[in-house]
Amino acid sequence: MAVSLKDPHDGGIDELSEINVTPFIDVMLVLLIIFMVAAPLSTVDVAVDLPVSNAQPQPRPDKPVFLTVKSDLTLALGNEDVPRSALQATLDQQTDNDREQRVFLRADGSVAYNELMKVMNLLRDAGYLKIALVGLEDTGQAAAAPVAATQP
């Protein structure tokens, strides 16, 4: 609250109903300085050239081919275990030699990235270039729905 000292003979002190904005400006300047100092600290310093993806969700085929990498690094095609050496023949049999068919690749969370890349290289060597990585959608609930991120 501010006071105006006019003529003391007028009968008293009048109150002004104006807001003193000086403390607000001081607070805003302090916040500006804090954000200017904190903003560079919150960025990541690793230089990465990230690819841009505008992939639309693909419709799920009638009979999807699921290849699973288990925690013990064994492979399963659908519900059947398959050795790595017979992966191409088994895939050809299940897809009727259609190498354009998408293979949905699932992996246990404990599987190392290196091992997952080895399986992807096996698929590439077999001629299957359309691979979809399957994961769980984080909905914040206990049960999650499977999603697929596709690689054309």
N, C-alpha and C. Protein backbone atom coordinates (compact mmCIF):
# COMPACT_ATOMS: atom_id res chain seq x y z
N MET A 1 0.86 -1.16 0.00
CA MET A 1 0.00 0.00 0.00
C MET A 1 0.91 1.23 0.00
N ALA A 2 0.55 2.22 -0.81
CA ALA A 2 1.34 3.44 -0.90
C ALA A 2 0.56 4.61 -0.31
N VAL A 3 1.26 5.60 0.14
CA VAL A 3 0.63 6.77 0.76
C VAL A 3 1.09 8.02 0.01
N SER A 4 0.24 8.95 -0.07
CA SER A 4 0.58 10.21 -0.71
C SER A 4 0.53 11.31 0.33
N LEU A 5 1.57 12.05 0.41
CA LEU A 5 1.62 13.17 1.36
C LEU A 5 1.36 14.45 0.59
N LYS A 6 0.11 14.83 0.57
CA LYS A 6 -0.24 16.08 -0.10
C LYS A 6 -0.15 17.21 0.93
N ASP A 7 -0.98 18.08 0.77
CA ASP A 7 -1.01 19.21 1.69
C ASP A 7 -1.50 18.74 3.05
N PRO A 8 -0.70 18.86 4.09
CA PRO A 8 -1.11 18.37 5.40
C PRO A 8 -2.30 19.12 5.96
N HIS A 9 -2.64 20.21 5.41
CA HIS A 9 -3.76 20.99 5.93
C HIS A 9 -5.09 20.55 5.36
N ASP A 10 -5.10 19.60 4.38
CA ASP A 10 -6.35 19.17 3.77
C ASP A 10 -7.12 18.20 4.64
N GLY A 11 -6.59 17.78 5.68
CA GLY A 11 -7.35 16.93 6.58
C GLY A 11 -6.86 15.51 6.65
N GLY A 12 -5.71 15.17 6.19
CA GLY A 12 -5.23 13.82 6.41
C GLY A 12 -4.41 13.27 5.25
N ILE A 13 -4.16 12.01 5.38
CA ILE A 13 -3.34 11.30 4.42
C ILE A 13 -4.26 10.46 3.53
N ASP A 14 -4.09 10.55 2.25
CA ASP A 14 -4.90 9.76 1.30
C ASP A 14 -4.13 8.50 0.91
N GLU A 15 -4.88 7.42 0.74
CA GLU A 15 -4.28 6.16 0.30
C GLU A 15 -4.37 6.06 -1.22
N LEU A 16 -3.32 5.52 -1.83
CA LEU A 16 -3.35 5.28 -3.26
C LEU A 16 -3.61 3.80 -3.50
N SER A 17 -4.40 3.49 -4.49
CA SER A 17 -4.69 2.09 -4.78
C SER A 17 -3.91 1.63 -6.01
N GLU A 18 -2.65 1.93 -6.06
CA GLU A 18 -1.79 1.49 -7.15
C GLU A 18 -0.88 0.37 -6.64
N ILE A 19 -0.57 -0.58 -7.55
CA ILE A 19 0.29 -1.70 -7.19
C ILE A 19 1.73 -1.29 -7.43
N ASN A 20 2.56 -1.56 -6.45
CA ASN A 20 3.99 -1.30 -6.58
C ASN A 20 4.61 -2.49 -7.29
N VAL A 21 5.04 -2.33 -8.53
CA VAL A 21 5.54 -3.44 -9.34
C VAL A 21 7.04 -3.66 -9.20
N THR A 22 7.71 -2.85 -8.48
CA THR A 22 9.16 -3.00 -8.33
C THR A 22 9.54 -4.35 -7.74
N PRO A 23 8.89 -4.87 -6.68
CA PRO A 23 9.27 -6.20 -6.19
C PRO A 23 9.00 -7.31 -7.21
N PHE A 24 7.94 -7.16 -8.01
CA PHE A 24 7.65 -8.17 -9.02
C PHE A 24 8.72 -8.20 -10.10
N ILE A 25 9.19 -7.02 -10.48
CA ILE A 25 10.26 -6.95 -11.49
C ILE A 25 11.54 -7.58 -10.94
N ASP A 26 11.83 -7.33 -9.68
CA ASP A 26 13.02 -7.94 -9.06
C ASP A 26 12.92 -9.46 -9.06
N VAL A 27 11.77 -9.99 -8.71
CA VAL A 27 11.57 -11.45 -8.69
C VAL A 27 11.70 -12.02 -10.09
N MET A 28 11.13 -11.35 -11.09
CA MET A 28 11.22 -11.84 -12.46
C MET A 28 12.66 -11.83 -12.97
N LEU A 29 13.44 -10.82 -12.61
CA LEU A 29 14.84 -10.78 -13.03
C LEU A 29 15.64 -11.90 -12.38
N VAL A 30 15.37 -12.19 -11.12
CA VAL A 30 16.06 -13.30 -10.45
C VAL A 30 15.69 -14.62 -11.11
N LEU A 31 14.40 -14.84 -11.42
CA LEU A 31 13.99 -16.07 -12.10
C LEU A 31 14.61 -16.18 -13.48
N LEU A 32 14.70 -15.07 -14.19
CA LEU A 32 15.33 -15.08 -15.51
C LEU A 32 16.79 -15.52 -15.41
N ILE A 33 17.50 -15.00 -14.44
CA ILE A 33 18.91 -15.38 -14.26
C ILE A 33 19.02 -16.86 -13.90
N ILE A 34 18.14 -17.34 -13.03
CA ILE A 34 18.17 -18.77 -12.65
C ILE A 34 17.94 -19.65 -13.87
N PHE A 35 16.95 -19.32 -14.70
CA PHE A 35 16.67 -20.13 -15.88
C PHE A 35 17.77 -20.02 -16.93
N MET A 36 18.40 -18.86 -17.04
CA MET A 36 19.50 -18.72 -17.99
C MET A 36 20.70 -19.56 -17.58
N VAL A 37 20.91 -19.73 -16.29
CA VAL A 37 22.02 -20.55 -15.81
C VAL A 37 21.65 -22.03 -15.87
N ALA A 38 20.40 -22.38 -15.55
CA ALA A 38 20.00 -23.79 -15.46
C ALA A 38 19.73 -24.42 -16.83
N ALA A 39 19.33 -23.66 -17.83
CA ALA A 39 18.98 -24.22 -19.13
C ALA A 39 20.13 -24.96 -19.80
N PRO A 40 21.34 -24.40 -19.86
CA PRO A 40 22.43 -25.16 -20.48
C PRO A 40 22.81 -26.42 -19.70
N LEU A 41 22.55 -26.44 -18.41
CA LEU A 41 22.88 -27.62 -17.62
C LEU A 41 21.92 -28.77 -17.85
N SER A 42 20.72 -28.49 -18.35
CA SER A 42 19.72 -29.53 -18.52
C SER A 42 19.77 -30.20 -19.88
N THR A 43 20.66 -29.77 -20.76
CA THR A 43 20.75 -30.38 -22.08
C THR A 43 21.78 -31.50 -22.07
N VAL A 44 21.65 -32.39 -23.05
CA VAL A 44 22.58 -33.51 -23.20
C VAL A 44 23.73 -33.05 -24.09
N ASP A 45 24.95 -33.39 -23.71
CA ASP A 45 26.12 -32.95 -24.45
C ASP A 45 26.62 -33.97 -25.46
N VAL A 46 25.90 -35.06 -25.66
CA VAL A 46 26.30 -36.06 -26.62
C VAL A 46 25.75 -35.67 -27.98
N ALA A 47 26.62 -35.47 -28.93
CA ALA A 47 26.20 -35.07 -30.28
C ALA A 47 25.75 -36.30 -31.05
N VAL A 48 24.46 -36.32 -31.41
CA VAL A 48 23.89 -37.45 -32.14
C VAL A 48 23.04 -36.89 -33.27
N ASP A 49 23.21 -37.46 -34.45
CA ASP A 49 22.39 -37.08 -35.58
C ASP A 49 21.23 -38.08 -35.66
N LEU A 50 20.11 -37.73 -35.03
CA LEU A 50 18.98 -38.64 -34.96
C LEU A 50 18.21 -38.65 -36.27
N PRO A 51 17.77 -39.83 -36.72
CA PRO A 51 16.97 -39.89 -37.94
C PRO A 51 15.54 -39.44 -37.68
N VAL A 52 14.92 -38.97 -38.73
CA VAL A 52 13.54 -38.53 -38.62
C VAL A 52 12.64 -39.66 -39.12
N SER A 53 11.62 -39.97 -38.35
CA SER A 53 10.71 -41.04 -38.73
C SER A 53 9.29 -40.51 -38.76
N ASN A 54 8.62 -40.77 -39.85
CA ASN A 54 7.21 -40.41 -39.94
C ASN A 54 6.37 -41.66 -40.24
N ALA A 55 6.82 -42.78 -39.71
CA ALA A 55 6.15 -44.06 -39.97
C ALA A 55 4.77 -44.09 -39.33
N GLN A 56 3.84 -44.52 -40.10
CA GLN A 56 2.48 -44.70 -39.61
C GLN A 56 2.35 -46.12 -39.08
N PRO A 57 1.52 -46.33 -38.07
CA PRO A 57 1.31 -47.69 -37.58
C PRO A 57 0.78 -48.59 -38.68
N GLN A 58 1.39 -49.73 -38.82
CA GLN A 58 1.02 -50.67 -39.87
C GLN A 58 -0.07 -51.62 -39.36
N PRO A 59 -0.99 -51.99 -40.23
CA PRO A 59 -1.99 -52.97 -39.80
C PRO A 59 -1.34 -54.32 -39.55
N ARG A 60 -1.84 -55.01 -38.57
CA ARG A 60 -1.27 -56.32 -38.22
C ARG A 60 -1.75 -57.35 -39.24
N PRO A 61 -0.81 -58.16 -39.76
CA PRO A 61 -1.22 -59.17 -40.74
C PRO A 61 -2.07 -60.25 -40.08
N ASP A 62 -2.76 -61.02 -40.95
CA ASP A 62 -3.63 -62.09 -40.44
C ASP A 62 -2.84 -63.14 -39.67
N LYS A 63 -1.68 -63.50 -40.21
CA LYS A 63 -0.85 -64.52 -39.57
C LYS A 63 0.56 -63.94 -39.39
N PRO A 64 0.80 -63.19 -38.30
CA PRO A 64 2.12 -62.58 -38.12
C PRO A 64 3.19 -63.62 -37.77
N VAL A 65 4.41 -63.31 -38.17
CA VAL A 65 5.56 -64.18 -37.87
C VAL A 65 6.31 -63.54 -36.71
N PHE A 66 6.29 -64.20 -35.56
CA PHE A 66 6.97 -63.71 -34.37
C PHE A 66 8.24 -64.51 -34.15
N LEU A 67 9.38 -63.81 -34.10
CA LEU A 67 10.66 -64.43 -33.75
C LEU A 67 11.04 -63.88 -32.38
N THR A 68 11.26 -64.79 -31.42
CA THR A 68 11.52 -64.38 -30.05
C THR A 68 12.93 -64.79 -29.66
N VAL A 69 13.66 -63.84 -29.05
CA VAL A 69 14.97 -64.13 -28.46
C VAL A 69 14.74 -64.26 -26.96
N LYS A 70 14.92 -65.48 -26.46
CA LYS A 70 14.67 -65.74 -25.04
C LYS A 70 15.85 -65.26 -24.20
N SER A 71 15.66 -65.27 -22.89
CA SER A 71 16.72 -64.78 -21.99
C SER A 71 17.97 -65.65 -22.04
N ASP A 72 17.83 -66.93 -22.42
CA ASP A 72 19.01 -67.81 -22.55
C ASP A 72 19.59 -67.77 -23.97
N LEU A 73 19.14 -66.78 -24.78
CA LEU A 73 19.61 -66.50 -26.14
C LEU A 73 19.20 -67.55 -27.15
N THR A 74 18.25 -68.41 -26.82
CA THR A 74 17.71 -69.33 -27.81
C THR A 74 16.61 -68.62 -28.57
N LEU A 75 16.33 -69.10 -29.77
CA LEU A 75 15.33 -68.48 -30.63
C LEU A 75 14.07 -69.33 -30.68
N ALA A 76 12.94 -68.67 -30.81
CA ALA A 76 11.67 -69.36 -30.97
C ALA A 76 10.91 -68.66 -32.08
N LEU A 77 10.44 -69.43 -33.05
CA LEU A 77 9.63 -68.91 -34.14
C LEU A 77 8.20 -69.31 -33.85
N GLY A 78 7.40 -68.33 -33.49
CA GLY A 78 6.05 -68.64 -32.98
C GLY A 78 6.20 -69.24 -31.60
N ASN A 79 5.73 -70.47 -31.43
CA ASN A 79 5.88 -71.19 -30.16
C ASN A 79 6.91 -72.30 -30.24
N GLU A 80 7.52 -72.48 -31.39
CA GLU A 80 8.47 -73.56 -31.61
C GLU A 80 9.91 -73.06 -31.49
N ASP A 81 10.74 -73.78 -30.73
CA ASP A 81 12.16 -73.45 -30.66
C ASP A 81 12.81 -73.79 -31.99
N VAL A 82 13.75 -72.93 -32.40
CA VAL A 82 14.45 -73.15 -33.67
C VAL A 82 15.93 -72.83 -33.45
N PRO A 83 16.83 -73.71 -33.92
CA PRO A 83 18.26 -73.40 -33.82
C PRO A 83 18.63 -72.30 -34.82
N ARG A 84 19.67 -71.56 -34.48
CA ARG A 84 20.09 -70.46 -35.35
C ARG A 84 20.49 -70.92 -36.73
N SER A 85 21.06 -72.11 -36.83
CA SER A 85 21.49 -72.61 -38.14
C SER A 85 20.31 -72.93 -39.05
N ALA A 86 19.15 -73.24 -38.49
CA ALA A 86 17.98 -73.59 -39.29
C ALA A 86 16.97 -72.46 -39.38
N LEU A 87 17.38 -71.26 -39.00
CA LEU A 87 16.43 -70.15 -38.97
C LEU A 87 15.92 -69.81 -40.37
N GLN A 88 16.80 -69.72 -41.36
CA GLN A 88 16.38 -69.35 -42.71
C GLN A 88 15.41 -70.38 -43.27
N ALA A 89 15.72 -71.66 -43.14
CA ALA A 89 14.85 -72.70 -43.69
C ALA A 89 13.48 -72.70 -43.00
N THR A 90 13.47 -72.50 -41.70
CA THR A 90 12.21 -72.49 -40.96
C THR A 90 11.38 -71.27 -41.33
N LEU A 91 12.03 -70.11 -41.47
CA LEU A 91 11.32 -68.90 -41.89
C LEU A 91 10.75 -69.05 -43.30
N ASP A 92 11.56 -69.61 -44.20
CA ASP A 92 11.07 -69.83 -45.57
C ASP A 92 9.86 -70.74 -45.59
N GLN A 93 9.88 -71.76 -44.75
CA GLN A 93 8.77 -72.69 -44.69
C GLN A 93 7.52 -72.00 -44.12
N GLN A 94 7.68 -71.20 -43.09
CA GLN A 94 6.53 -70.57 -42.45
C GLN A 94 5.95 -69.43 -43.29
N THR A 95 6.80 -68.75 -44.06
CA THR A 95 6.32 -67.62 -44.86
C THR A 95 6.09 -68.00 -46.32
N ASP A 96 6.24 -69.26 -46.68
CA ASP A 96 6.09 -69.74 -48.06
C ASP A 96 7.05 -68.98 -49.00
N ASN A 97 8.30 -68.82 -48.54
CA ASN A 97 9.37 -68.15 -49.28
C ASN A 97 9.04 -66.70 -49.64
N ASP A 98 8.18 -66.06 -48.87
CA ASP A 98 7.84 -64.66 -49.08
C ASP A 98 8.77 -63.81 -48.20
N ARG A 99 9.86 -63.36 -48.79
CA ARG A 99 10.85 -62.59 -48.02
C ARG A 99 10.44 -61.15 -47.81
N GLU A 100 9.34 -60.73 -48.41
CA GLU A 100 8.81 -59.38 -48.20
C GLU A 100 7.89 -59.32 -46.98
N GLN A 101 7.61 -60.47 -46.40
CA GLN A 101 6.74 -60.50 -45.23
C GLN A 101 7.49 -59.95 -44.02
N ARG A 102 6.79 -59.20 -43.18
CA ARG A 102 7.40 -58.58 -42.01
C ARG A 102 7.58 -59.62 -40.91
N VAL A 103 8.76 -59.58 -40.27
CA VAL A 103 9.05 -60.47 -39.14
C VAL A 103 9.02 -59.61 -37.88
N PHE A 104 8.19 -60.00 -36.93
CA PHE A 104 8.07 -59.28 -35.67
C PHE A 104 9.08 -59.87 -34.69
N LEU A 105 10.06 -59.08 -34.31
CA LEU A 105 11.15 -59.53 -33.45
C LEU A 105 10.90 -59.10 -32.02
N ARG A 106 10.83 -60.08 -31.13
CA ARG A 106 10.64 -59.81 -29.70
C ARG A 106 11.88 -60.32 -28.97
N ALA A 107 12.23 -59.66 -27.88
CA ALA A 107 13.39 -60.07 -27.10
C ALA A 107 13.12 -59.84 -25.63
N ASP A 108 13.65 -60.73 -24.81
CA ASP A 108 13.57 -60.57 -23.37
C ASP A 108 14.35 -59.32 -22.96
N GLY A 109 13.93 -58.69 -21.89
CA GLY A 109 14.58 -57.47 -21.44
C GLY A 109 16.02 -57.66 -21.02
N SER A 110 16.41 -58.88 -20.69
CA SER A 110 17.78 -59.13 -20.25
C SER A 110 18.73 -59.43 -21.41
N VAL A 111 18.21 -59.50 -22.63
CA VAL A 111 19.05 -59.78 -23.79
C VAL A 111 19.87 -58.54 -24.13
N ALA A 112 21.16 -58.73 -24.29
CA ALA A 112 22.06 -57.62 -24.61
C ALA A 112 21.81 -57.13 -26.03
N TYR A 113 22.06 -55.86 -26.23
CA TYR A 113 21.88 -55.24 -27.54
C TYR A 113 22.73 -55.94 -28.60
N ASN A 114 23.91 -56.35 -28.24
CA ASN A 114 24.81 -57.04 -29.16
C ASN A 114 24.16 -58.33 -29.67
N GLU A 115 23.53 -59.08 -28.78
CA GLU A 115 22.89 -60.34 -29.18
C GLU A 115 21.68 -60.07 -30.07
N LEU A 116 20.93 -59.01 -29.77
CA LEU A 116 19.78 -58.67 -30.61
C LEU A 116 20.24 -58.30 -32.02
N MET A 117 21.35 -57.59 -32.12
CA MET A 117 21.88 -57.23 -33.44
C MET A 117 22.36 -58.47 -34.20
N LYS A 118 22.88 -59.46 -33.50
CA LYS A 118 23.28 -60.70 -34.17
C LYS A 118 22.08 -61.39 -34.79
N VAL A 119 20.96 -61.40 -34.08
CA VAL A 119 19.75 -62.02 -34.61
C VAL A 119 19.23 -61.22 -35.80
N MET A 120 19.30 -59.89 -35.71
CA MET A 120 18.88 -59.07 -36.85
C MET A 120 19.78 -59.31 -38.06
N ASN A 121 21.06 -59.53 -37.84
CA ASN A 121 21.97 -59.85 -38.95
C ASN A 121 21.64 -61.21 -39.55
N LEU A 122 21.23 -62.17 -38.70
CA LEU A 122 20.80 -63.47 -39.22
C LEU A 122 19.58 -63.30 -40.12
N LEU A 123 18.64 -62.47 -39.70
CA LEU A 123 17.46 -62.22 -40.53
C LEU A 123 17.83 -61.54 -41.83
N ARG A 124 18.74 -60.59 -41.78
CA ARG A 124 19.18 -59.90 -42.99
C ARG A 124 19.89 -60.86 -43.93
N ASP A 125 20.75 -61.72 -43.39
CA ASP A 125 21.43 -62.70 -44.23
C ASP A 125 20.46 -63.69 -44.86
N ALA A 126 19.35 -63.95 -44.17
CA ALA A 126 18.33 -64.85 -44.71
C ALA A 126 17.46 -64.17 -45.74
N GLY A 127 17.59 -62.85 -45.89
CA GLY A 127 16.83 -62.13 -46.89
C GLY A 127 15.60 -61.43 -46.36
N TYR A 128 15.37 -61.48 -45.07
CA TYR A 128 14.21 -60.83 -44.46
C TYR A 128 14.64 -59.45 -43.96
N LEU A 129 14.27 -58.42 -44.73
CA LEU A 129 14.70 -57.07 -44.42
C LEU A 129 13.63 -56.26 -43.70
N LYS A 130 12.40 -56.72 -43.73
CA LYS A 130 11.31 -56.01 -43.05
C LYS A 130 11.17 -56.60 -41.64
N ILE A 131 11.71 -55.85 -40.68
CA ILE A 131 11.74 -56.32 -39.29
C ILE A 131 11.02 -55.29 -38.44
N ALA A 132 10.14 -55.78 -37.58
CA ALA A 132 9.45 -54.90 -36.64
C ALA A 132 9.87 -55.30 -35.23
N LEU A 133 10.33 -54.32 -34.45
CA LEU A 133 10.69 -54.58 -33.06
C LEU A 133 9.45 -54.44 -32.20
N VAL A 134 9.15 -55.44 -31.43
CA VAL A 134 7.94 -55.45 -30.62
C VAL A 134 8.29 -55.10 -29.19
N GLY A 135 7.51 -54.21 -28.60
CA GLY A 135 7.70 -53.83 -27.21
C GLY A 135 6.35 -53.65 -26.55
N LEU A 136 6.38 -53.19 -25.33
CA LEU A 136 5.15 -52.93 -24.59
C LEU A 136 4.91 -51.44 -24.53
N GLU A 137 3.66 -51.06 -24.75
CA GLU A 137 3.29 -49.66 -24.67
C GLU A 137 3.11 -49.30 -23.21
N ASP A 138 3.75 -48.22 -22.78
CA ASP A 138 3.66 -47.77 -21.40
C ASP A 138 2.41 -46.93 -21.22
N THR A 139 1.38 -47.55 -20.63
CA THR A 139 0.13 -46.83 -20.42
C THR A 139 -0.04 -46.40 -18.99
N GLY A 140 0.91 -46.72 -18.13
CA GLY A 140 0.81 -46.36 -16.73
C GLY A 140 0.02 -47.36 -15.91
N GLN A 141 -0.49 -48.39 -16.56
CA GLN A 141 -1.24 -49.43 -15.86
C GLN A 141 -0.36 -50.65 -15.70
N ALA A 142 -0.83 -51.62 -14.94
CA ALA A 142 -0.04 -52.83 -14.70
C ALA A 142 0.11 -53.64 -15.97
N ALA A 143 -0.95 -53.78 -16.76
CA ALA A 143 -0.88 -54.56 -17.99
C ALA A 143 -0.66 -53.61 -19.15
N ALA A 144 0.18 -53.99 -20.08
CA ALA A 144 0.47 -53.14 -21.22
C ALA A 144 0.17 -53.89 -22.50
N ALA A 145 -0.11 -53.15 -23.54
CA ALA A 145 -0.45 -53.73 -24.83
C ALA A 145 0.80 -53.76 -25.70
N PRO A 146 0.96 -54.81 -26.53
CA PRO A 146 2.14 -54.86 -27.41
C PRO A 146 2.03 -53.86 -28.54
N VAL A 147 3.17 -53.25 -28.86
CA VAL A 147 3.25 -52.33 -29.99
C VAL A 147 4.43 -52.74 -30.85
N ALA A 148 4.42 -52.29 -32.08
CA ALA A 148 5.52 -52.63 -32.99
C ALA A 148 6.05 -51.37 -33.61
N ALA A 149 7.36 -51.19 -33.57
CA ALA A 149 8.02 -50.10 -34.27
C ALA A 149 8.63 -50.70 -35.52
N THR A 150 8.24 -50.22 -36.67
CA THR A 150 8.65 -50.87 -37.90
C THR A 150 9.88 -50.22 -38.48
N GLN A 151 10.62 -51.04 -39.20
CA GLN A 151 11.79 -50.58 -39.94
C GLN A 151 11.57 -50.97 -41.38
N PRO A 152 11.39 -49.99 -42.28
CA PRO A 152 11.12 -50.35 -43.68
C PRO A 152 12.33 -50.91 -44.36
